[in-house]
Amino acid sequence: MTFCNRAEAGRRLTEQLRAWRSDPPIVVALAPRGVPLAVGVAAALHTPLDAVLVHELSVPGCPPGTLGAVGEDGVTEINTYLAGRLGVGLARVDQEARRAAELILHAQRSLRELVPEESVAGRTVILVDDGVATGAAASVAVTVLRKRGVSRLVLAVPVGARSVLGRLRTTVDALVCVREMPWPRPVGEWYEDYPDVTDEEARELLVRAARYHASDPFPSFAATAHSMSCGALV
């Protein structure tokens, strides 16, 4: 285990991101899983907060993300070679990819009815997730943000597999990681307490963050974000 929970991981990550406040950036959560951390990071850095939605492909017998991921704007990354090696038919992978795309479209519509999308064109973006195991979700999110015209892209995670981080480092302008691990593991194995974050919970966190920011744009929100960043709705 590396971190007690997402709240601790978020605090450690924020410490390494304070130098970026002078830019100033937009914090974008890799949703749904990265939203709890991103809420706290954005509050501490006094920056706008938004999200890009990505679902890792989940097929029985394969850890999430092993076969790829699907994100907004139709961005998809599928590891067909590995699917073949693992005996997963392409029809099964395609079925899961279509299901993930439908979930993302529904979650995107639900979120944007309540939280307008921040324009990232020409801006510095800090993309926040709670860990990198396969890199599929992060890779898809990076592609989505590049297509939207970001000027500078920083990938920020508390923990990740060294080999995967090395590959992702070539796709972003900067990478911030608190602890690089020598072996790939499911992200949850690097936390003692790691509750799942659903699309609905992520949306609620983002809506509450937007409301706090509108009514009291920090500093009191920064304190409230600590309770929100654990992944539970309180």
C-alpha atoms as a PDB file:
ATOM      1  CA  MET A   1       0.000   0.000   0.000  1.00  0.00           C
ATOM      2  CA  THR A   2       1.215   3.492  -0.848  1.00  0.00           C
ATOM      3  CA  PHE A   3      -1.501   5.917   0.329  1.00  0.00           C
ATOM      4  CA  CYS A   4      -4.139   5.695   3.038  1.00  0.00           C
ATOM      5  CA  ASN A   5      -6.831   7.128   0.755  1.00  0.00           C
ATOM      6  CA  ARG A   6      -7.430   9.606  -2.039  1.00  0.00           C
ATOM      7  CA  ALA A   7      -7.458  12.536   0.377  1.00  0.00           C
ATOM      8  CA  GLU A   8      -3.874  11.836   1.450  1.00  0.00           C
ATOM      9  CA  ALA A   9      -2.805  11.225  -2.143  1.00  0.00           C
ATOM     10  CA  GLY A  10      -4.381  14.512  -3.220  1.00  0.00           C
ATOM     11  CA  ARG A  11      -2.563  16.475  -0.533  1.00  0.00           C
ATOM     12  CA  ARG A  12       0.772  14.942  -1.493  1.00  0.00           C
ATOM     13  CA  LEU A  13       0.139  15.647  -5.161  1.00  0.00           C
ATOM     14  CA  THR A  14      -0.900  19.250  -4.490  1.00  0.00           C
ATOM     15  CA  GLU A  15       2.406  19.903  -2.735  1.00  0.00           C
ATOM     16  CA  GLN A  16       4.224  19.152  -5.984  1.00  0.00           C
ATOM     17  CA  LEU A  17       1.859  21.241  -8.115  1.00  0.00           C
ATOM     18  CA  ARG A  18       2.013  24.587  -6.305  1.00  0.00           C
ATOM     19  CA  ALA A  19       4.676  25.868  -8.681  1.00  0.00           C
ATOM     20  CA  TRP A  20       2.083  25.758 -11.477  1.00  0.00           C
ATOM     21  CA  ARG A  21      -0.174  28.379  -9.857  1.00  0.00           C
ATOM     22  CA  SER A  22       1.682  31.208 -11.551  1.00  0.00           C
ATOM     23  CA  ASP A  23       0.658  30.075 -15.051  1.00  0.00           C
ATOM     24  CA  PRO A  24      -2.438  29.988 -14.167  1.00  0.00           C
ATOM     25  CA  PRO A  25      -3.782  26.578 -15.246  1.00  0.00           C
ATOM     26  CA  ILE A  26      -7.125  24.796 -15.473  1.00  0.00           C
ATOM     27  CA  VAL A  27      -7.362  21.590 -13.440  1.00  0.00           C
ATOM     28  CA  VAL A  28      -9.127  18.837 -15.401  1.00  0.00           C
ATOM     29  CA  ALA A  29     -10.133  15.627 -13.658  1.00  0.00           C
ATOM     30  CA  LEU A  30      -9.857  12.337 -15.473  1.00  0.00           C
ATOM     31  CA  ALA A  31     -13.410  11.337 -14.606  1.00  0.00           C
ATOM     32  CA  PRO A  32     -14.828   9.545 -12.889  1.00  0.00           C
ATOM     33  CA  ARG A  33     -11.936   8.163 -10.842  1.00  0.00           C
ATOM     34  CA  GLY A  34      -9.787  11.286 -10.709  1.00  0.00           C
ATOM     35  CA  VAL A  35     -12.532  13.712  -9.663  1.00  0.00           C
ATOM     36  CA  PRO A  36     -12.086  13.440  -5.859  1.00  0.00           C
ATOM     37  CA  LEU A  37      -8.393  14.359  -6.128  1.00  0.00           C
ATOM     38  CA  ALA A  38      -8.940  17.071  -8.722  1.00  0.00           C
ATOM     39  CA  VAL A  39     -11.494  18.830  -6.496  1.00  0.00           C
ATOM     40  CA  GLY A  40      -8.894  19.261  -3.776  1.00  0.00           C
ATOM     41  CA  VAL A  41      -6.095  20.198  -6.181  1.00  0.00           C
ATOM     42  CA  ALA A  42      -8.179  22.903  -7.873  1.00  0.00           C
ATOM     43  CA  ALA A  43      -9.236  24.333  -4.514  1.00  0.00           C
ATOM     44  CA  ALA A  44      -5.674  24.450  -3.213  1.00  0.00           C
ATOM     45  CA  LEU A  45      -4.297  26.014  -6.400  1.00  0.00           C
ATOM     46  CA  HIS A  46      -7.252  28.436  -6.744  1.00  0.00           C
ATOM     47  CA  THR A  47      -7.879  27.368 -10.336  1.00  0.00           C
ATOM     48  CA  PRO A  48     -10.956  26.512 -12.422  1.00  0.00           C
ATOM     49  CA  LEU A  49     -12.009  22.864 -12.383  1.00  0.00           C
ATOM     50  CA  ASP A  50     -13.440  20.698 -15.145  1.00  0.00           C
ATOM     51  CA  ALA A  51     -13.377  17.074 -16.253  1.00  0.00           C
ATOM     52  CA  VAL A  52     -12.896  14.806 -19.231  1.00  0.00           C
ATOM     53  CA  LEU A  53     -14.784  11.516 -19.084  1.00  0.00           C
ATOM     54  CA  VAL A  54     -13.005   8.249 -19.838  1.00  0.00           C
ATOM     55  CA  HIS A  55     -14.067   4.649 -19.217  1.00  0.00           C
ATOM     56  CA  GLU A  56     -11.553   1.833 -19.174  1.00  0.00           C
ATOM     57  CA  LEU A  57     -12.659  -1.312 -20.988  1.00  0.00           C
ATOM     58  CA  SER A  58     -13.648  -4.005 -18.525  1.00  0.00           C
ATOM     59  CA  VAL A  59     -13.770  -7.605 -19.697  1.00  0.00           C
ATOM     60  CA  PRO A  60     -14.010 -10.594 -17.311  1.00  0.00           C
ATOM     61  CA  GLY A  61     -10.568 -11.962 -16.575  1.00  0.00           C
ATOM     62  CA  CYS A  62      -8.771  -8.745 -17.588  1.00  0.00           C
ATOM     63  CA  PRO A  63      -7.957  -5.871 -15.204  1.00  0.00           C
ATOM     64  CA  PRO A  64      -9.695  -2.600 -16.223  1.00  0.00           C
ATOM     65  CA  GLY A  65      -7.749  -0.739 -18.881  1.00  0.00           C
ATOM     66  CA  THR A  66      -5.740  -3.747 -20.016  1.00  0.00           C
ATOM     67  CA  LEU A  67      -7.556  -3.821 -23.346  1.00  0.00           C
ATOM     68  CA  GLY A  68      -7.938  -0.062 -23.707  1.00  0.00           C
ATOM     69  CA  ALA A  69     -10.280   2.814 -22.929  1.00  0.00           C
ATOM     70  CA  VAL A  70     -12.949   5.028 -24.476  1.00  0.00           C
ATOM     71  CA  GLY A  71     -13.300   8.769 -23.938  1.00  0.00           C
ATOM     72  CA  GLU A  72     -15.264  11.813 -24.987  1.00  0.00           C
ATOM     73  CA  ASP A  73     -15.390  12.988 -28.606  1.00  0.00           C
ATOM     74  CA  GLY A  74     -15.217   9.409 -29.828  1.00  0.00           C
ATOM     75  CA  VAL A  75     -11.580   8.923 -28.802  1.00  0.00           C
ATOM     76  CA  THR A  76     -10.871   5.205 -28.382  1.00  0.00           C
ATOM     77  CA  GLU A  77      -7.729   3.212 -27.684  1.00  0.00           C
ATOM     78  CA  ILE A  78      -7.936  -0.578 -28.015  1.00  0.00           C
ATOM     79  CA  ASN A  79      -5.059  -3.014 -27.614  1.00  0.00           C
ATOM     80  CA  THR A  80      -6.067  -5.579 -30.230  1.00  0.00           C
ATOM     81  CA  TYR A  81      -2.734  -7.406 -29.955  1.00  0.00           C
ATOM     82  CA  LEU A  82      -3.162  -7.990 -26.234  1.00  0.00           C
ATOM     83  CA  ALA A  83      -6.802  -8.965 -26.711  1.00  0.00           C
ATOM     84  CA  GLY A  84      -5.641 -11.692 -29.059  1.00  0.00           C
ATOM     85  CA  ARG A  85      -2.963 -12.863 -26.651  1.00  0.00           C
ATOM     86  CA  LEU A  86      -5.531 -13.077 -23.852  1.00  0.00           C
ATOM     87  CA  GLY A  87      -8.069 -14.895 -25.981  1.00  0.00           C
ATOM     88  CA  VAL A  88     -10.636 -12.089 -25.975  1.00  0.00           C
ATOM     89  CA  GLY A  89     -12.484 -11.888 -29.302  1.00  0.00           C
ATOM     90  CA  LEU A  90     -12.586  -8.566 -31.104  1.00  0.00           C
ATOM     91  CA  ALA A  91     -16.390  -8.737 -31.192  1.00  0.00           C
ATOM     92  CA  ARG A  92     -16.408  -8.864 -27.384  1.00  0.00           C
ATOM     93  CA  VAL A  93     -13.998  -5.929 -27.171  1.00  0.00           C
ATOM     94  CA  ASP A  94     -16.054  -3.921 -29.663  1.00  0.00           C
ATOM     95  CA  GLN A  95     -19.211  -4.633 -27.674  1.00  0.00           C
ATOM     96  CA  GLU A  96     -17.586  -3.358 -24.499  1.00  0.00           C
ATOM     97  CA  ALA A  97     -16.261  -0.271 -26.307  1.00  0.00           C
ATOM     98  CA  ARG A  98     -19.751   0.584 -27.576  1.00  0.00           C
ATOM     99  CA  ARG A  99     -21.186   0.129 -24.088  1.00  0.00           C
ATOM    100  CA  ALA A 100     -18.506   2.415 -22.631  1.00  0.00           C
ATOM    101  CA  ALA A 101     -19.190   5.063 -25.292  1.00  0.00           C
ATOM    102  CA  GLU A 102     -22.905   5.037 -24.439  1.00  0.00           C
ATOM    103  CA  LEU A 103     -22.155   5.452 -20.726  1.00  0.00           C
ATOM    104  CA  ILE A 104     -19.842   8.363 -21.457  1.00  0.00           C
ATOM    105  CA  LEU A 105     -22.381  10.107 -23.664  1.00  0.00           C
ATOM    106  CA  HIS A 106     -25.036   9.798 -20.963  1.00  0.00           C
ATOM    107  CA  ALA A 107     -22.655  11.007 -18.237  1.00  0.00           C
ATOM    108  CA  GLN A 108     -21.471  13.901 -20.417  1.00  0.00           C
ATOM    109  CA  ARG A 109     -25.010  15.094 -21.087  1.00  0.00           C
ATOM    110  CA  SER A 110     -25.942  14.843 -17.409  1.00  0.00           C
ATOM    111  CA  LEU A 111     -22.860  16.784 -16.332  1.00  0.00           C
ATOM    112  CA  ARG A 112     -23.131  19.564 -18.918  1.00  0.00           C
ATOM    113  CA  GLU A 113     -26.738  20.246 -18.006  1.00  0.00           C
ATOM    114  CA  LEU A 114     -25.386  21.444 -14.658  1.00  0.00           C
ATOM    115  CA  VAL A 115     -21.735  22.404 -15.210  1.00  0.00           C
ATOM    116  CA  PRO A 116     -20.712  24.283 -18.394  1.00  0.00           C
ATOM    117  CA  GLU A 117     -17.557  23.038 -20.053  1.00  0.00           C
ATOM    118  CA  GLU A 118     -14.418  25.132 -19.504  1.00  0.00           C
ATOM    119  CA  SER A 119     -12.636  26.120 -22.708  1.00  0.00           C
ATOM    120  CA  VAL A 120      -9.108  24.697 -22.642  1.00  0.00           C
ATOM    121  CA  ALA A 121      -7.987  26.067 -26.017  1.00  0.00           C
ATOM    122  CA  GLY A 122      -4.713  27.922 -25.620  1.00  0.00           C
ATOM    123  CA  ARG A 123      -4.571  27.179 -21.886  1.00  0.00           C
ATOM    124  CA  THR A 124      -2.298  25.220 -19.587  1.00  0.00           C
ATOM    125  CA  VAL A 125      -4.154  22.168 -18.282  1.00  0.00           C
ATOM    126  CA  ILE A 126      -3.270  19.975 -15.311  1.00  0.00           C
ATOM    127  CA  LEU A 127      -4.842  16.577 -15.945  1.00  0.00           C
ATOM    128  CA  VAL A 128      -5.396  14.815 -12.609  1.00  0.00           C
ATOM    129  CA  ASP A 129      -6.015  11.114 -11.993  1.00  0.00           C
ATOM    130  CA  ASP A 130      -5.566   8.966  -8.891  1.00  0.00           C
ATOM    131  CA  GLY A 131      -3.012   6.634 -10.465  1.00  0.00           C
ATOM    132  CA  VAL A 132      -1.647   5.096 -13.653  1.00  0.00           C
ATOM    133  CA  ALA A 133      -1.529   1.328 -14.089  1.00  0.00           C
ATOM    134  CA  THR A 134      -2.033   0.558 -17.795  1.00  0.00           C
ATOM    135  CA  GLY A 135      -2.017   4.149 -19.067  1.00  0.00           C
ATOM    136  CA  ALA A 136      -4.998   3.571 -21.367  1.00  0.00           C
ATOM    137  CA  ALA A 137      -7.331   6.064 -19.678  1.00  0.00           C
ATOM    138  CA  ALA A 138      -4.646   8.730 -19.379  1.00  0.00           C
ATOM    139  CA  SER A 139      -3.642   8.267 -23.018  1.00  0.00           C
ATOM    140  CA  VAL A 140      -7.230   8.717 -24.186  1.00  0.00           C
ATOM    141  CA  ALA A 141      -7.702  11.805 -21.992  1.00  0.00           C
ATOM    142  CA  VAL A 142      -4.496  13.337 -23.352  1.00  0.00           C
ATOM    143  CA  THR A 143      -5.730  12.821 -26.918  1.00  0.00           C
ATOM    144  CA  VAL A 144      -9.085  14.431 -26.107  1.00  0.00           C
ATOM    145  CA  LEU A 145      -7.428  17.486 -24.585  1.00  0.00           C
ATOM    146  CA  ARG A 146      -4.895  17.824 -27.402  1.00  0.00           C
ATOM    147  CA  LYS A 147      -7.746  17.812 -29.912  1.00  0.00           C
ATOM    148  CA  ARG A 148      -9.388  20.597 -27.927  1.00  0.00           C
ATOM    149  CA  GLY A 149      -6.323  22.782 -28.389  1.00  0.00           C
ATOM    150  CA  VAL A 150      -4.569  22.912 -25.024  1.00  0.00           C
ATOM    151  CA  SER A 151      -1.403  24.977 -25.059  1.00  0.00           C
ATOM    152  CA  ARG A 152       0.473  23.030 -22.384  1.00  0.00           C
ATOM    153  CA  LEU A 153      -0.530  19.751 -20.798  1.00  0.00           C
ATOM    154  CA  VAL A 154       0.633  18.479 -17.404  1.00  0.00           C
ATOM    155  CA  LEU A 155      -0.285  14.963 -16.285  1.00  0.00           C
ATOM    156  CA  ALA A 156      -0.443  14.785 -12.483  1.00  0.00           C
ATOM    157  CA  VAL A 157      -0.897  11.535 -10.547  1.00  0.00           C
ATOM    158  CA  PRO A 158       0.031  10.419  -7.024  1.00  0.00           C
ATOM    159  CA  VAL A 159       1.324   7.021  -8.149  1.00  0.00           C
ATOM    160  CA  GLY A 160       2.030   5.059 -11.290  1.00  0.00           C
ATOM    161  CA  ALA A 161       3.960   2.224 -12.871  1.00  0.00           C
ATOM    162  CA  ARG A 162       7.380   3.459 -13.986  1.00  0.00           C
ATOM    163  CA  SER A 163       7.309   1.883 -17.444  1.00  0.00           C
ATOM    164  CA  VAL A 164       3.851   3.271 -18.223  1.00  0.00           C
ATOM    165  CA  LEU A 165       4.760   6.718 -16.917  1.00  0.00           C
ATOM    166  CA  GLY A 166       7.780   6.693 -19.190  1.00  0.00           C
ATOM    167  CA  ARG A 167       5.544   6.120 -22.196  1.00  0.00           C
ATOM    168  CA  LEU A 168       3.042   8.784 -21.148  1.00  0.00           C
ATOM    169  CA  ARG A 169       5.818  11.290 -20.496  1.00  0.00           C
ATOM    170  CA  THR A 170       6.421  11.486 -24.253  1.00  0.00           C
ATOM    171  CA  THR A 171       2.806  12.576 -24.873  1.00  0.00           C
ATOM    172  CA  VAL A 172       2.584  15.486 -22.412  1.00  0.00           C
ATOM    173  CA  ASP A 173       4.582  18.618 -21.735  1.00  0.00           C
ATOM    174  CA  ALA A 174       5.263  17.704 -18.114  1.00  0.00           C
ATOM    175  CA  LEU A 175       4.489  14.806 -15.798  1.00  0.00           C
ATOM    176  CA  VAL A 176       4.197  15.065 -12.024  1.00  0.00           C
ATOM    177  CA  CYS A 177       4.093  11.846  -9.988  1.00  0.00           C
ATOM    178  CA  VAL A 178       4.575  11.559  -6.228  1.00  0.00           C
ATOM    179  CA  ARG A 179       5.694   7.925  -6.276  1.00  0.00           C
ATOM    180  CA  GLU A 180       6.807   5.921  -9.280  1.00  0.00           C
ATOM    181  CA  MET A 181       6.428   2.187  -8.696  1.00  0.00           C
ATOM    182  CA  PRO A 182       8.705  -0.375 -10.361  1.00  0.00           C
ATOM    183  CA  TRP A 183       5.831  -2.689 -11.238  1.00  0.00           C
ATOM    184  CA  PRO A 184       2.344  -2.284 -12.735  1.00  0.00           C
ATOM    185  CA  ARG A 185      -0.565  -3.024 -10.404  1.00  0.00           C
ATOM    186  CA  PRO A 186      -4.264  -2.140 -10.382  1.00  0.00           C
ATOM    187  CA  VAL A 187      -4.487   1.385  -8.978  1.00  0.00           C
ATOM    188  CA  GLY A 188      -6.587   0.246  -6.019  1.00  0.00           C
ATOM    189  CA  GLU A 189      -3.696  -1.884  -4.743  1.00  0.00           C
ATOM    190  CA  TRP A 190      -1.717   1.297  -4.074  1.00  0.00           C
ATOM    191  CA  TYR A 191      -4.343   2.540  -1.599  1.00  0.00           C
ATOM    192  CA  GLU A 192      -5.492   1.181   1.758  1.00  0.00           C
ATOM    193  CA  ASP A 193      -8.969   2.667   1.281  1.00  0.00           C
ATOM    194  CA  TYR A 194     -10.123   2.877  -2.330  1.00  0.00           C
ATOM    195  CA  PRO A 195     -13.883   3.167  -2.796  1.00  0.00           C
ATOM    196  CA  ASP A 196     -15.239   3.108  -6.321  1.00  0.00           C
ATOM    197  CA  VAL A 197     -16.305   6.432  -7.868  1.00  0.00           C
ATOM    198  CA  THR A 198     -19.334   6.204 -10.136  1.00  0.00           C
ATOM    199  CA  ASP A 199     -20.248   8.649 -12.885  1.00  0.00           C
ATOM    200  CA  GLU A 200     -23.078   9.914 -10.673  1.00  0.00           C
ATOM    201  CA  GLU A 201     -20.788  10.520  -7.684  1.00  0.00           C
ATOM    202  CA  ALA A 202     -18.234  12.266  -9.895  1.00  0.00           C
ATOM    203  CA  ARG A 203     -20.952  14.503 -11.341  1.00  0.00           C
ATOM    204  CA  GLU A 204     -22.190  15.422  -7.873  1.00  0.00           C
ATOM    205  CA  LEU A 205     -18.683  16.325  -6.730  1.00  0.00           C
ATOM    206  CA  LEU A 206     -18.154  18.520  -9.802  1.00  0.00           C
ATOM    207  CA  VAL A 207     -21.535  20.215  -9.356  1.00  0.00           C
ATOM    208  CA  ARG A 208     -20.838  20.935  -5.697  1.00  0.00           C
ATOM    209  CA  ALA A 209     -17.379  22.251  -6.540  1.00  0.00           C
ATOM    210  CA  ALA A 210     -18.843  24.580  -9.169  1.00  0.00           C
ATOM    211  CA  ARG A 211     -21.440  25.876  -6.706  1.00  0.00           C
ATOM    212  CA  TYR A 212     -18.865  26.479  -3.987  1.00  0.00           C
ATOM    213  CA  HIS A 213     -16.622  28.278  -6.457  1.00  0.00           C
ATOM    214  CA  ALA A 214     -19.473  30.504  -7.656  1.00  0.00           C
ATOM    215  CA  SER A 215     -20.691  31.432  -4.170  1.00  0.00           C
ATOM    216  CA  ASP A 216     -17.364  31.530  -2.326  1.00  0.00           C
ATOM    217  CA  PRO A 217     -14.376  31.263  -4.678  1.00  0.00           C
ATOM    218  CA  PHE A 218     -12.047  29.948  -1.986  1.00  0.00           C
ATOM    219  CA  PRO A 219     -10.573  30.075   0.649  1.00  0.00           C
ATOM    220  CA  SER A 220     -13.369  28.358   2.629  1.00  0.00           C
ATOM    221  CA  PHE A 221     -13.956  25.988  -0.272  1.00  0.00           C
ATOM    222  CA  ALA A 222     -10.363  24.830   0.008  1.00  0.00           C
ATOM    223  CA  ALA A 223     -11.138  23.477   3.480  1.00  0.00           C
ATOM    224  CA  THR A 224     -14.393  21.898   2.354  1.00  0.00           C
ATOM    225  CA  ALA A 225     -12.597  20.184  -0.527  1.00  0.00           C
ATOM    226  CA  HIS A 226     -10.678  17.997   1.912  1.00  0.00           C
ATOM    227  CA  SER A 227     -13.900  16.273   2.933  1.00  0.00           C
ATOM    228  CA  MET A 228     -15.029  16.010  -0.679  1.00  0.00           C
ATOM    229  CA  SER A 229     -11.740  14.634  -1.987  1.00  0.00           C
ATOM    230  CA  CYS A 230     -11.965  11.319  -0.154  1.00  0.00           C
ATOM    231  CA  GLY A 231     -14.450  10.060  -2.723  1.00  0.00           C
ATOM    232  CA  ALA A 232     -17.525  10.110  -0.508  1.00  0.00           C
ATOM    233  CA  LEU A 233     -20.373  12.567  -0.641  1.00  0.00           C
ATOM    234  CA  VAL A 234     -20.583  14.233   2.756  1.00  0.00           C
END
